Every structure is written in C-alpha cells, then in structure tokens.
Amino acid sequence: MKKLGGSFSGALRTFSFWIANGTVGYRILEGIDYRSILLKDASAMEQLYAIFANVIELDDNGVVVNAKYAERRAAQWLRRYIDRSYEVLPPFEFWEVELHGPPPRVDPKRSTTIPCDGEPGA
C-alpha cells in the first residue's frame, strides 16, 4: 500500500506549525492575527487545510514540489476571508477550494471501528 511519505509529512507539519505560530503566508497575512479566528471557526480551518491539500503537488518520487505555492494559496483564501477587499490573484479555481468527503468511519485495513477518546469503548 502506498504512503504519502516524508516529504509530504514534512510539508504538512511545517504548514501546521506556521498556522499555529501565526506566520503562515507571512507577507500576505503580515500583521493580521488570524489564530483567534481559526480557533472560533472550525470551517475556516477546514477550508485552509483543504486548499493546501488540493494545491500541493508531488513528483513521481513522492517529493513535494510546490509547498510554498500551496501555502500561498491557503493564505490568500484566509486573507480574503478576513478582509473582503483583498483581491485573490489569480482567482481560485473550483478544484482549489473543493471540500472532499471524509474517510470511511471504518478503516478498510481494520474490521472494526476504533472509538475516539470520549466515545463508548475508548
């Protein structure tokens, strides 16, 4: 079974770190404290990650080739979400902002549902 690998894992980890410490999309979001907004609006956080995941590309060896561009597009969306006068260039394509469905509740590799913390049987 294929795995995304270390390059994607590193890109996702770094993107998450930048979101958490307030430096994602540095120039685009410079001086804007977006973290409180993301903590209050889970759908904004969901959209931010969706854009990053939709835009990121891997080469034939599974190495990320456009992490900064994926970060930039996510940051542009967040800036527009906060500041309606901000113009996103180029405008978003549908596939960049698409929210894909969640994974199945039961992992195909497992025969039973693994409860989350706080659920019965956890």
PDB file of N, CA and C in Angstrom:
ATOM      1  N   MET A   1       0.840  -1.176   0.000  1.00  0.00           N
ATOM      2  CA  MET A   1       0.000   0.000   0.000  1.00  0.00           C
ATOM      3  C   MET A   1       0.890   1.246   0.000  1.00  0.00           C
ATOM      4  N   LYS A   2       0.551   2.230  -0.816  1.00  0.00           N
ATOM      5  CA  LYS A   2       1.341   3.452  -0.920  1.00  0.00           C
ATOM      6  C   LYS A   2       1.103   4.362   0.281  1.00  0.00           C
ATOM      7  N   LYS A   3       2.137   5.089   0.645  1.00  0.00           N
ATOM      8  CA  LYS A   3       2.052   6.100   1.689  1.00  0.00           C
ATOM      9  C   LYS A   3       2.521   7.420   1.102  1.00  0.00           C
ATOM     10  N   LEU A   4       2.078   8.521   1.684  1.00  0.00           N
ATOM     11  CA  LEU A   4       2.479   9.830   1.176  1.00  0.00           C
ATOM     12  C   LEU A   4       3.961  10.095   1.385  1.00  0.00           C
ATOM     13  N   GLY A   5       4.536   9.636   2.471  1.00  0.00           N
ATOM     14  CA  GLY A   5       5.965   9.744   2.672  1.00  0.00           C
ATOM     15  C   GLY A   5       6.401  10.982   3.430  1.00  0.00           C
ATOM     16  N   GLY A   6       7.713  11.025   3.664  1.00  0.00           N
ATOM     17  CA  GLY A   6       8.311  12.061   4.487  1.00  0.00           C
ATOM     18  C   GLY A   6       8.229  13.459   3.918  1.00  0.00           C
ATOM     19  N   SER A   7       8.308  13.598   2.617  1.00  0.00           N
ATOM     20  CA  SER A   7       8.263  14.924   2.016  1.00  0.00           C
ATOM     21  C   SER A   7       6.913  15.585   2.272  1.00  0.00           C
ATOM     22  N   PHE A   8       5.830  14.860   2.030  1.00  0.00           N
ATOM     23  CA  PHE A   8       4.507  15.417   2.305  1.00  0.00           C
ATOM     24  C   PHE A   8       4.303  15.615   3.799  1.00  0.00           C
ATOM     25  N   SER A   9       4.713  14.643   4.590  1.00  0.00           N
ATOM     26  CA  SER A   9       4.581  14.759   6.039  1.00  0.00           C
ATOM     27  C   SER A   9       5.294  16.007   6.551  1.00  0.00           C
ATOM     28  N   GLY A  10       6.497  16.260   6.038  1.00  0.00           N
ATOM     29  CA  GLY A  10       7.246  17.446   6.438  1.00  0.00           C
ATOM     30  C   GLY A  10       6.565  18.735   5.999  1.00  0.00           C
ATOM     31  N   ALA A  11       6.002  18.741   4.793  1.00  0.00           N
ATOM     32  CA  ALA A  11       5.303  19.928   4.296  1.00  0.00           C
ATOM     33  C   ALA A  11       4.051  20.205   5.130  1.00  0.00           C
ATOM     34  N   LEU A  12       3.298  19.164   5.454  1.00  0.00           N
ATOM     35  CA  LEU A  12       2.090  19.330   6.251  1.00  0.00           C
ATOM     36  C   LEU A  12       2.429  19.768   7.672  1.00  0.00           C
ATOM     37  N   ARG A  13       3.446  19.156   8.248  1.00  0.00           N
ATOM     38  CA  ARG A  13       3.874  19.534   9.595  1.00  0.00           C
ATOM     39  C   ARG A  13       4.292  20.991   9.642  1.00  0.00           C
ATOM     40  N   THR A  14       5.077  21.417   8.660  1.00  0.00           N
ATOM     41  CA  THR A  14       5.551  22.798   8.623  1.00  0.00           C
ATOM     42  C   THR A  14       4.393  23.771   8.431  1.00  0.00           C
ATOM     43  N   PHE A  15       3.481  23.461   7.537  1.00  0.00           N
ATOM     44  CA  PHE A  15       2.295  24.287   7.324  1.00  0.00           C
ATOM     45  C   PHE A  15       1.514  24.424   8.630  1.00  0.00           C
ATOM     46  N   SER A  16       1.324  23.321   9.331  1.00  0.00           N
ATOM     47  CA  SER A  16       0.604  23.338  10.609  1.00  0.00           C
ATOM     48  C   SER A  16       1.329  24.189  11.642  1.00  0.00           C
ATOM     49  N   PHE A  17       2.643  24.073  11.694  1.00  0.00           N
ATOM     50  CA  PHE A  17       3.435  24.877  12.629  1.00  0.00           C
ATOM     51  C   PHE A  17       3.265  26.361  12.342  1.00  0.00           C
ATOM     52  N   TRP A  18       3.332  26.723  11.071  1.00  0.00           N
ATOM     53  CA  TRP A  18       3.179  28.135  10.702  1.00  0.00           C
ATOM     54  C   TRP A  18       1.788  28.664  11.048  1.00  0.00           C
ATOM     55  N   ILE A  19       0.757  27.846  10.853  1.00  0.00           N
ATOM     56  CA  ILE A  19      -0.583  28.265  11.245  1.00  0.00           C
ATOM     57  C   ILE A  19      -0.612  28.525  12.750  1.00  0.00           C
ATOM     58  N   ALA A  20      -0.087  27.575  13.512  1.00  0.00           N
ATOM     59  CA  ALA A  20      -0.139  27.667  14.970  1.00  0.00           C
ATOM     60  C   ALA A  20       0.659  28.843  15.525  1.00  0.00           C
ATOM     61  N   ASN A  21       1.798  29.164  14.917  1.00  0.00           N
ATOM     62  CA  ASN A  21       2.604  30.249  15.483  1.00  0.00           C
ATOM     63  C   ASN A  21       2.326  31.604  14.843  1.00  0.00           C
ATOM     64  N   GLY A  22       1.375  31.661  13.920  1.00  0.00           N
ATOM     65  CA  GLY A  22       0.945  32.934  13.366  1.00  0.00           C
ATOM     66  C   GLY A  22       1.763  33.458  12.207  1.00  0.00           C
ATOM     67  N   THR A  23       2.506  32.569  11.527  1.00  0.00           N
ATOM     68  CA  THR A  23       3.353  33.040  10.422  1.00  0.00           C
ATOM     69  C   THR A  23       3.030  32.414   9.072  1.00  0.00           C
ATOM     70  N   VAL A  24       1.901  31.748   8.953  1.00  0.00           N
ATOM     71  CA  VAL A  24       1.548  31.178   7.652  1.00  0.00           C
ATOM     72  C   VAL A  24       1.315  32.324   6.663  1.00  0.00           C
ATOM     73  N   GLY A  25       1.771  32.135   5.447  1.00  0.00           N
ATOM     74  CA  GLY A  25       1.587  33.163   4.424  1.00  0.00           C
ATOM     75  C   GLY A  25       2.129  34.507   4.852  1.00  0.00           C
ATOM     76  N   TYR A  26       3.345  34.515   5.354  1.00  0.00           N
ATOM     77  CA  TYR A  26       3.916  35.665   6.055  1.00  0.00           C
ATOM     78  C   TYR A  26       3.620  37.018   5.413  1.00  0.00           C
ATOM     79  N   ARG A  27       3.963  37.211   4.191  1.00  0.00           N
ATOM     80  CA  ARG A  27       3.737  38.531   3.579  1.00  0.00           C
ATOM     81  C   ARG A  27       2.251  38.839   3.389  1.00  0.00           C
ATOM     82  N   ILE A  28       1.482  37.841   3.020  1.00  0.00           N
ATOM     83  CA  ILE A  28       0.057  38.045   2.751  1.00  0.00           C
ATOM     84  C   ILE A  28      -0.708  38.347   4.042  1.00  0.00           C
ATOM     85  N   LEU A  29      -0.337  37.681   5.122  1.00  0.00           N
ATOM     86  CA  LEU A  29      -1.056  37.836   6.387  1.00  0.00           C
ATOM     87  C   LEU A  29      -0.257  38.614   7.433  1.00  0.00           C
ATOM     88  N   GLU A  30       0.803  39.261   7.013  1.00  0.00           N
ATOM     89  CA  GLU A  30       1.653  40.012   7.947  1.00  0.00           C
ATOM     90  C   GLU A  30       0.816  41.044   8.710  1.00  0.00           C
ATOM     91  N   GLY A  31       0.947  41.018  10.035  1.00  0.00           N
ATOM     92  CA  GLY A  31       0.233  41.964  10.882  1.00  0.00           C
ATOM     93  C   GLY A  31      -1.201  41.588  11.186  1.00  0.00           C
ATOM     94  N   ILE A  32      -1.671  40.463  10.678  1.00  0.00           N
ATOM     95  CA  ILE A  32      -3.050  40.020  10.922  1.00  0.00           C
ATOM     96  C   ILE A  32      -3.015  38.840  11.892  1.00  0.00           C
ATOM     97  N   ASP A  33      -3.664  38.988  13.034  1.00  0.00           N
ATOM     98  CA  ASP A  33      -3.726  37.891  13.999  1.00  0.00           C
ATOM     99  C   ASP A  33      -4.943  37.026  13.667  1.00  0.00           C
ATOM    100  N   TYR A  34      -4.712  36.035  12.851  1.00  0.00           N
ATOM    101  CA  TYR A  34      -5.790  35.179  12.359  1.00  0.00           C
ATOM    102  C   TYR A  34      -6.069  33.995  13.269  1.00  0.00           C
ATOM    103  N   ARG A  35      -5.186  33.716  14.211  1.00  0.00           N
ATOM    104  CA  ARG A  35      -5.321  32.487  15.005  1.00  0.00           C
ATOM    105  C   ARG A  35      -6.617  32.435  15.796  1.00  0.00           C
ATOM    106  N   SER A  36      -7.037  33.532  16.386  1.00  0.00           N
ATOM    107  CA  SER A  36      -8.285  33.518  17.164  1.00  0.00           C
ATOM    108  C   SER A  36      -9.476  33.254  16.255  1.00  0.00           C
ATOM    109  N   ILE A  37      -9.418  33.725  15.030  1.00  0.00           N
ATOM    110  CA  ILE A  37     -10.494  33.478  14.069  1.00  0.00           C
ATOM    111  C   ILE A  37     -10.582  31.988  13.756  1.00  0.00           C
ATOM    112  N   LEU A  38      -9.436  31.366  13.514  1.00  0.00           N
ATOM    113  CA  LEU A  38      -9.423  29.944  13.178  1.00  0.00           C
ATOM    114  C   LEU A  38      -9.884  29.082  14.350  1.00  0.00           C
ATOM    115  N   LEU A  39      -9.567  29.498  15.562  1.00  0.00           N
ATOM    116  CA  LEU A  39      -9.996  28.728  16.724  1.00  0.00           C
ATOM    117  C   LEU A  39     -11.501  28.824  16.942  1.00  0.00           C
ATOM    118  N   LYS A  40     -12.097  29.935  16.538  1.00  0.00           N
ATOM    119  CA  LYS A  40     -13.541  30.125  16.711  1.00  0.00           C
ATOM    120  C   LYS A  40     -14.345  29.546  15.561  1.00  0.00           C
ATOM    121  N   ASP A  41     -13.729  29.393  14.395  1.00  0.00           N
ATOM    122  CA  ASP A  41     -14.452  28.955  13.203  1.00  0.00           C
ATOM    123  C   ASP A  41     -13.758  27.742  12.592  1.00  0.00           C
ATOM    124  N   ALA A  42     -14.181  26.573  13.029  1.00  0.00           N
ATOM    125  CA  ALA A  42     -13.551  25.332  12.559  1.00  0.00           C
ATOM    126  C   ALA A  42     -13.663  25.174  11.044  1.00  0.00           C
ATOM    127  N   SER A  43     -14.720  25.689  10.441  1.00  0.00           N
ATOM    128  CA  SER A  43     -14.866  25.552   8.995  1.00  0.00           C
ATOM    129  C   SER A  43     -13.814  26.373   8.253  1.00  0.00           C
ATOM    130  N   ALA A  44     -13.359  27.475   8.840  1.00  0.00           N
ATOM    131  CA  ALA A  44     -12.276  28.246   8.219  1.00  0.00           C
ATOM    132  C   ALA A  44     -10.980  27.448   8.258  1.00  0.00           C
ATOM    133  N   MET A  45     -10.713  26.797   9.376  1.00  0.00           N
ATOM    134  CA  MET A  45      -9.519  25.946   9.480  1.00  0.00           C
ATOM    135  C   MET A  45      -9.617  24.792   8.492  1.00  0.00           C
ATOM    136  N   GLU A  46     -10.789  24.204   8.390  1.00  0.00           N
ATOM    137  CA  GLU A  46     -11.030  23.106   7.451  1.00  0.00           C
ATOM    138  C   GLU A  46     -10.734  23.555   6.020  1.00  0.00           C
ATOM    139  N   GLN A  47     -11.214  24.734   5.646  1.00  0.00           N
ATOM    140  CA  GLN A  47     -11.005  25.246   4.292  1.00  0.00           C
ATOM    141  C   GLN A  47      -9.537  25.535   4.030  1.00  0.00           C
ATOM    142  N   LEU A  48      -8.847  26.061   5.026  1.00  0.00           N
ATOM    143  CA  LEU A  48      -7.418  26.369   4.897  1.00  0.00           C
ATOM    144  C   LEU A  48      -6.623  25.102   4.564  1.00  0.00           C
ATOM    145  N   TYR A  49      -6.891  24.041   5.306  1.00  0.00           N
ATOM    146  CA  TYR A  49      -6.199  22.771   5.053  1.00  0.00           C
ATOM    147  C   TYR A  49      -6.638  22.145   3.735  1.00  0.00           C
ATOM    148  N   ALA A  50      -7.902  22.280   3.386  1.00  0.00           N
ATOM    149  CA  ALA A  50      -8.380  21.732   2.117  1.00  0.00           C
ATOM    150  C   ALA A  50      -7.647  22.373   0.947  1.00  0.00           C
ATOM    151  N   ILE A  51      -7.498  23.679   0.980  1.00  0.00           N
ATOM    152  CA  ILE A  51      -6.784  24.364  -0.107  1.00  0.00           C
ATOM    153  C   ILE A  51      -5.344  23.900  -0.172  1.00  0.00           C
ATOM    154  N   PHE A  52      -4.676  23.842   0.963  1.00  0.00           N
ATOM    155  CA  PHE A  52      -3.286  23.379   0.987  1.00  0.00           C
ATOM    156  C   PHE A  52      -3.185  21.974   0.378  1.00  0.00           C
ATOM    157  N   ALA A  53      -4.062  21.078   0.806  1.00  0.00           N
ATOM    158  CA  ALA A  53      -4.026  19.692   0.318  1.00  0.00           C
ATOM    159  C   ALA A  53      -4.403  19.582  -1.157  1.00  0.00           C
ATOM    160  N   ASN A  54      -5.343  20.396  -1.616  1.00  0.00           N
ATOM    161  CA  ASN A  54      -5.759  20.353  -3.018  1.00  0.00           C
ATOM    162  C   ASN A  54      -4.690  20.889  -3.954  1.00  0.00           C
ATOM    163  N   VAL A  55      -3.926  21.870  -3.499  1.00  0.00           N
ATOM    164  CA  VAL A  55      -2.957  22.541  -4.361  1.00  0.00           C
ATOM    165  C   VAL A  55      -1.595  21.860  -4.359  1.00  0.00           C
ATOM    166  N   ILE A  56      -1.231  21.232  -3.261  1.00  0.00           N
ATOM    167  CA  ILE A  56       0.117  20.658  -3.168  1.00  0.00           C
ATOM    168  C   ILE A  56       0.322  19.563  -4.221  1.00  0.00           C
ATOM    169  N   GLU A  57       1.530  19.513  -4.763  1.00  0.00           N
ATOM    170  CA  GLU A  57       1.863  18.535  -5.807  1.00  0.00           C
ATOM    171  C   GLU A  57       3.108  17.755  -5.409  1.00  0.00           C
ATOM    172  N   LEU A  58       3.136  16.506  -5.863  1.00  0.00           N
ATOM    173  CA  LEU A  58       4.274  15.624  -5.630  1.00  0.00           C
ATOM    174  C   LEU A  58       4.829  15.174  -6.971  1.00  0.00           C
ATOM    175  N   ASP A  59       6.134  15.023  -7.045  1.00  0.00           N
ATOM    176  CA  ASP A  59       6.714  14.500  -8.283  1.00  0.00           C
ATOM    177  C   ASP A  59       6.555  12.976  -8.305  1.00  0.00           C
ATOM    178  N   ASP A  60       7.099  12.331  -9.311  1.00  0.00           N
ATOM    179  CA  ASP A  60       6.952  10.881  -9.459  1.00  0.00           C
ATOM    180  C   ASP A  60       7.586  10.094  -8.324  1.00  0.00           C
ATOM    181  N   ASN A  61       8.482  10.724  -7.579  1.00  0.00           N
ATOM    182  CA  ASN A  61       9.133  10.064  -6.448  1.00  0.00           C
ATOM    183  C   ASN A  61       8.471  10.400  -5.118  1.00  0.00           C
ATOM    184  N   GLY A  62       7.352  11.131  -5.163  1.00  0.00           N
ATOM    185  CA  GLY A  62       6.642  11.481  -3.947  1.00  0.00           C
ATOM    186  C   GLY A  62       7.210  12.679  -3.209  1.00  0.00           C
ATOM    187  N   VAL A  63       8.046  13.462  -3.886  1.00  0.00           N
ATOM    188  CA  VAL A  63       8.657  14.646  -3.276  1.00  0.00           C
ATOM    189  C   VAL A  63       7.785  15.869  -3.582  1.00  0.00           C
ATOM    190  N   VAL A  64       7.471  16.637  -2.552  1.00  0.00           N
ATOM    191  CA  VAL A  64       6.657  17.844  -2.717  1.00  0.00           C
ATOM    192  C   VAL A  64       7.435  18.857  -3.550  1.00  0.00           C
ATOM    193  N   VAL A  65       6.753  19.443  -4.552  1.00  0.00           N
ATOM    194  CA  VAL A  65       7.421  20.385  -5.456  1.00  0.00           C
ATOM    195  C   VAL A  65       6.875  21.813  -5.361  1.00  0.00           C
ATOM    196  N   ASN A  66       5.811  22.019  -4.592  1.00  0.00           N
ATOM    197  CA  ASN A  66       5.223  23.367  -4.555  1.00  0.00           C
ATOM    198  C   ASN A  66       4.632  23.737  -3.195  1.00  0.00           C
ATOM    199  N   ALA A  67       5.311  23.387  -2.118  1.00  0.00           N
ATOM    200  CA  ALA A  67       4.783  23.639  -0.772  1.00  0.00           C
ATOM    201  C   ALA A  67       4.539  25.124  -0.525  1.00  0.00           C
ATOM    202  N   LYS A  68       5.433  25.980  -0.960  1.00  0.00           N
ATOM    203  CA  LYS A  68       5.265  27.422  -0.733  1.00  0.00           C
ATOM    204  C   LYS A  68       4.059  27.961  -1.519  1.00  0.00           C
ATOM    205  N   TYR A  69       3.845  27.462  -2.726  1.00  0.00           N
ATOM    206  CA  TYR A  69       2.699  27.900  -3.512  1.00  0.00           C
ATOM    207  C   TYR A  69       1.397  27.439  -2.848  1.00  0.00           C
ATOM    208  N   ALA A  70       1.364  26.191  -2.361  1.00  0.00           N
ATOM    209  CA  ALA A  70       0.175  25.685  -1.667  1.00  0.00           C
ATOM    210  C   ALA A  70      -0.093  26.522  -0.421  1.00  0.00           C
ATOM    211  N   GLU A  71       0.950  26.869   0.304  1.00  0.00           N
ATOM    212  CA  GLU A  71       0.801  27.734   1.478  1.00  0.00           C
ATOM    213  C   GLU A  71       0.263  29.104   1.058  1.00  0.00           C
ATOM    214  N   ARG A  72       0.794  29.647  -0.023  1.00  0.00           N
ATOM    215  CA  ARG A  72       0.379  30.967  -0.507  1.00  0.00           C
ATOM    216  C   ARG A  72      -1.106  30.989  -0.853  1.00  0.00           C
ATOM    217  N   ARG A  73      -1.560  29.946  -1.550  1.00  0.00           N
ATOM    218  CA  ARG A  73      -2.979  29.905  -1.940  1.00  0.00           C
ATOM    219  C   ARG A  73      -3.872  29.811  -0.708  1.00  0.00           C
ATOM    220  N   ALA A  74      -3.470  29.011   0.271  1.00  0.00           N
ATOM    221  CA  ALA A  74      -4.246  28.916   1.510  1.00  0.00           C
ATOM    222  C   ALA A  74      -4.257  30.264   2.231  1.00  0.00           C
ATOM    223  N   ALA A  75      -3.111  30.922   2.272  1.00  0.00           N
ATOM    224  CA  ALA A  75      -3.014  32.229   2.927  1.00  0.00           C
ATOM    225  C   ALA A  75      -3.862  33.272   2.205  1.00  0.00           C
ATOM    226  N   GLN A  76      -3.897  33.214   0.890  1.00  0.00           N
ATOM    227  CA  GLN A  76      -4.739  34.146   0.139  1.00  0.00           C
ATOM    228  C   GLN A  76      -6.211  33.943   0.496  1.00  0.00           C
ATOM    229  N   TRP A  77      -6.626  32.695   0.605  1.00  0.00           N
ATOM    230  CA  TRP A  77      -8.011  32.434   0.973  1.00  0.00           C
ATOM    231  C   TRP A  77      -8.308  33.015   2.351  1.00  0.00           C
ATOM    232  N   LEU A  78      -7.397  32.784   3.311  1.00  0.00           N
ATOM    233  CA  LEU A  78      -7.604  33.278   4.666  1.00  0.00           C
ATOM    234  C   LEU A  78      -7.639  34.808   4.697  1.00  0.00           C
ATOM    235  N   ARG A  79      -6.765  35.444   3.955  1.00  0.00           N
ATOM    236  CA  ARG A  79      -6.764  36.911   3.899  1.00  0.00           C
ATOM    237  C   ARG A  79      -8.102  37.421   3.350  1.00  0.00           C
ATOM    238  N   ARG A  80      -8.597  36.787   2.308  1.00  0.00           N
ATOM    239  CA  ARG A  80      -9.881  37.179   1.718  1.00  0.00           C
ATOM    240  C   ARG A  80     -11.036  36.922   2.698  1.00  0.00           C
ATOM    241  N   TYR A  81     -10.941  35.850   3.460  1.00  0.00           N
ATOM    242  CA  TYR A  81     -11.952  35.517   4.456  1.00  0.00           C
ATOM    243  C   TYR A  81     -12.021  36.611   5.527  1.00  0.00           C
ATOM    244  N   ILE A  82     -10.867  37.130   5.901  1.00  0.00           N
ATOM    245  CA  ILE A  82     -10.779  38.165   6.929  1.00  0.00           C
ATOM    246  C   ILE A  82     -11.049  39.552   6.357  1.00  0.00           C
ATOM    247  N   ASP A  83     -10.542  39.804   5.160  1.00  0.00           N
ATOM    248  CA  ASP A  83     -10.612  41.137   4.542  1.00  0.00           C
ATOM    249  C   ASP A  83     -11.249  41.007   3.164  1.00  0.00           C
ATOM    250  N   ARG A  84     -12.544  41.290   3.070  1.00  0.00           N
ATOM    251  CA  ARG A  84     -13.289  41.118   1.815  1.00  0.00           C
ATOM    252  C   ARG A  84     -12.782  42.019   0.691  1.00  0.00           C
ATOM    253  N   SER A  85     -11.990  43.042   1.006  1.00  0.00           N
ATOM    254  CA  SER A  85     -11.453  43.911  -0.046  1.00  0.00           C
ATOM    255  C   SER A  85     -10.186  43.337  -0.680  1.00  0.00           C
ATOM    256  N   TYR A  86      -9.625  42.293  -0.079  1.00  0.00           N
ATOM    257  CA  TYR A  86      -8.412  41.677  -0.627  1.00  0.00           C
ATOM    258  C   TYR A  86      -8.742  40.929  -1.919  1.00  0.00           C
ATOM    259  N   GLU A  87      -7.980  41.184  -2.954  1.00  0.00           N
ATOM    260  CA  GLU A  87      -8.209  40.532  -4.238  1.00  0.00           C
ATOM    261  C   GLU A  87      -7.251  39.353  -4.410  1.00  0.00           C
ATOM    262  N   VAL A  88      -7.810  38.182  -4.585  1.00  0.00           N
ATOM    263  CA  VAL A  88      -7.017  36.971  -4.793  1.00  0.00           C
ATOM    264  C   VAL A  88      -6.644  36.880  -6.268  1.00  0.00           C
ATOM    265  N   LEU A  89      -5.347  36.832  -6.533  1.00  0.00           N
ATOM    266  CA  LEU A  89      -4.847  36.709  -7.912  1.00  0.00           C
ATOM    267  C   LEU A  89      -3.861  35.557  -8.008  1.00  0.00           C
ATOM    268  N   PRO A  90      -4.053  34.657  -8.927  1.00  0.00           N
ATOM    269  CA  PRO A  90      -5.233  34.529  -9.786  1.00  0.00           C
ATOM    270  C   PRO A  90      -6.431  34.072  -8.951  1.00  0.00           C
ATOM    271  N   PRO A  91      -7.640  34.324  -9.450  1.00  0.00           N
ATOM    272  CA  PRO A  91      -8.827  33.873  -8.720  1.00  0.00           C
ATOM    273  C   PRO A  91      -8.777  32.360  -8.506  1.00  0.00           C
ATOM    274  N   PHE A  92      -9.409  31.905  -7.457  1.00  0.00           N
ATOM    275  CA  PHE A  92      -9.412  30.473  -7.168  1.00  0.00           C
ATOM    276  C   PHE A  92     -10.171  29.695  -8.227  1.00  0.00           C
ATOM    277  N   GLU A  93      -9.631  28.546  -8.558  1.00  0.00           N
ATOM    278  CA  GLU A  93     -10.328  27.570  -9.397  1.00  0.00           C
ATOM    279  C   GLU A  93     -11.168  26.705  -8.449  1.00  0.00           C
ATOM    280  N   PHE A  94     -12.225  26.110  -8.968  1.00  0.00           N
ATOM    281  CA  PHE A  94     -13.115  25.287  -8.147  1.00  0.00           C
ATOM    282  C   PHE A  94     -12.345  24.187  -7.418  1.00  0.00           C
ATOM    283  N   TRP A  95     -11.446  23.514  -8.129  1.00  0.00           N
ATOM    284  CA  TRP A  95     -10.744  22.383  -7.543  1.00  0.00           C
ATOM    285  C   TRP A  95      -9.831  22.797  -6.385  1.00  0.00           C
ATOM    286  N   GLU A  96      -9.412  24.055  -6.344  1.00  0.00           N
ATOM    287  CA  GLU A  96      -8.537  24.511  -5.257  1.00  0.00           C
ATOM    288  C   GLU A  96      -9.283  24.608  -3.928  1.00  0.00           C
ATOM    289  N   VAL A  97     -10.538  24.975  -3.963  1.00  0.00           N
ATOM    290  CA  VAL A  97     -11.308  25.214  -2.734  1.00  0.00           C
ATOM    291  C   VAL A  97     -12.305  24.097  -2.430  1.00  0.00           C
ATOM    292  N   GLU A  98     -12.304  23.060  -3.244  1.00  0.00           N
ATOM    293  CA  GLU A  98     -13.250  21.964  -3.063  1.00  0.00           C
ATOM    294  C   GLU A  98     -13.019  21.244  -1.737  1.00  0.00           C
ATOM    295  N   LEU A  99     -14.121  20.957  -1.039  1.00  0.00           N
ATOM    296  CA  LEU A  99     -14.064  20.161   0.188  1.00  0.00           C
ATOM    297  C   LEU A  99     -14.456  18.734  -0.169  1.00  0.00           C
ATOM    298  N   HIS A 100     -13.513  17.836  -0.068  1.00  0.00           N
ATOM    299  CA  HIS A 100     -13.774  16.426  -0.380  1.00  0.00           C
ATOM    300  C   HIS A 100     -14.404  15.740   0.828  1.00  0.00           C
ATOM    301  N   GLY A 101     -15.072  14.631   0.579  1.00  0.00           N
ATOM    302  CA  GLY A 101     -15.738  13.902   1.650  1.00  0.00           C
ATOM    303  C   GLY A 101     -14.756  13.309   2.646  1.00  0.00           C
ATOM    304  N   PRO A 102     -15.260  12.998   3.841  1.00  0.00           N
ATOM    305  CA  PRO A 102     -14.404  12.414   4.876  1.00  0.00           C
ATOM    306  C   PRO A 102     -14.088  10.950   4.555  1.00  0.00           C
ATOM    307  N   PRO A 103     -13.077  10.411   5.218  1.00  0.00           N
ATOM    308  CA  PRO A 103     -12.783   8.989   5.031  1.00  0.00           C
ATOM    309  C   PRO A 103     -13.878   8.135   5.672  1.00  0.00           C
ATOM    310  N   PRO A 104     -13.914   6.857   5.336  1.00  0.00           N
ATOM    311  CA  PRO A 104     -14.930   5.994   5.950  1.00  0.00           C
ATOM    312  C   PRO A 104     -14.712   5.891   7.457  1.00  0.00           C
ATOM    313  N   ARG A 105     -15.778   5.681   8.171  1.00  0.00           N
ATOM    314  CA  ARG A 105     -15.703   5.558   9.631  1.00  0.00           C
ATOM    315  C   ARG A 105     -14.899   4.331  10.038  1.00  0.00           C
ATOM    316  N   VAL A 106     -14.957   3.303   9.229  1.00  0.00           N
ATOM    317  CA  VAL A 106     -14.200   2.086   9.498  1.00  0.00           C
ATOM    318  C   VAL A 106     -13.058   2.019   8.487  1.00  0.00           C
ATOM    319  N   ASP A 107     -11.833   1.921   8.981  1.00  0.00           N
ATOM    320  CA  ASP A 107     -10.683   1.804   8.089  1.00  0.00           C
ATOM    321  C   ASP A 107     -10.754   0.495   7.321  1.00  0.00           C
ATOM    322  N   PRO A 108     -10.500   0.527   6.003  1.00  0.00           N
ATOM    323  CA  PRO A 108     -10.518  -0.709   5.222  1.00  0.00           C
ATOM    324  C   PRO A 108      -9.514  -1.750   5.740  1.00  0.00           C
ATOM    325  N   LYS A 109      -8.428  -1.312   6.376  1.00  0.00           N
ATOM    326  CA  LYS A 109      -7.439  -2.241   6.917  1.00  0.00           C
ATOM    327  C   LYS A 109      -7.897  -2.899   8.211  1.00  0.00           C
ATOM    328  N   ARG A 110      -8.938  -2.383   8.801  1.00  0.00           N
ATOM    329  CA  ARG A 110      -9.424  -2.884  10.083  1.00  0.00           C
ATOM    330  C   ARG A 110     -10.837  -3.438   9.895  1.00  0.00           C
ATOM    331  N   SER A 111     -11.215  -4.365  10.765  1.00  0.00           N
ATOM    332  CA  SER A 111     -12.554  -4.936  10.638  1.00  0.00           C
ATOM    333  C   SER A 111     -13.553  -4.287  11.569  1.00  0.00           C
ATOM    334  N   THR A 112     -13.081  -3.449  12.501  1.00  0.00           N
ATOM    335  CA  THR A 112     -13.990  -2.807  13.449  1.00  0.00           C
ATOM    336  C   THR A 112     -13.679  -1.316  13.528  1.00  0.00           C
ATOM    337  N   THR A 113     -14.649  -0.590  14.043  1.00  0.00           N
ATOM    338  CA  THR A 113     -14.463   0.841  14.278  1.00  0.00           C
ATOM    339  C   THR A 113     -13.613   1.025  15.528  1.00  0.00           C
ATOM    340  N   ILE A 114     -12.633   1.880  15.445  1.00  0.00           N
ATOM    341  CA  ILE A 114     -11.822   2.211  16.614  1.00  0.00           C
ATOM    342  C   ILE A 114     -12.400   3.474  17.213  1.00  0.00           C
ATOM    343  N   PRO A 115     -12.948   3.412  18.439  1.00  0.00           N
ATOM    344  CA  PRO A 115     -13.586   4.602  19.010  1.00  0.00           C
ATOM    345  C   PRO A 115     -12.570   5.698  19.297  1.00  0.00           C
ATOM    346  N   CYS A 116     -13.034   6.932  19.199  1.00  0.00           N
ATOM    347  CA  CYS A 116     -12.217   8.084  19.549  1.00  0.00           C
ATOM    348  C   CYS A 116     -12.290   8.301  21.048  1.00  0.00           C
ATOM    349  N   ASP A 117     -11.337   9.031  21.603  1.00  0.00           N
ATOM    350  CA  ASP A 117     -11.375   9.366  23.030  1.00  0.00           C
ATOM    351  C   ASP A 117     -12.720   9.980  23.359  1.00  0.00           C
ATOM    352  N   GLY A 118     -13.282   9.584  24.467  1.00  0.00           N
ATOM    353  CA  GLY A 118     -14.557  10.123  24.912  1.00  0.00           C
ATOM    354  C   GLY A 118     -15.760   9.371  24.396  1.00  0.00           C
ATOM    355  N   GLU A 119     -15.544   8.476  23.422  1.00  0.00           N
ATOM    356  CA  GLU A 119     -16.646   7.667  22.905  1.00  0.00           C
ATOM    357  C   GLU A 119     -16.736   6.368  23.720  1.00  0.00           C
ATOM    358  N   PRO A 120     -17.897   5.770  23.788  1.00  0.00           N
ATOM    359  CA  PRO A 120     -18.012   4.488  24.489  1.00  0.00           C
ATOM    360  C   PRO A 120     -17.045   3.475  23.900  1.00  0.00           C
ATOM    361  N   GLY A 121     -16.363   2.764  24.754  1.00  0.00           N
ATOM    362  CA  GLY A 121     -15.427   1.748  24.317  1.00  0.00           C
ATOM    363  C   GLY A 121     -14.021   2.273  24.080  1.00  0.00           C
ATOM    364  N   ALA A 122     -13.799   3.560  24.323  1.00  0.00           N
ATOM    365  CA  ALA A 122     -12.469   4.142  24.103  1.00  0.00           C
ATOM    366  C   ALA A 122     -11.521   3.754  25.202  1.00  0.00           C
TER     367      ALA A 122
END
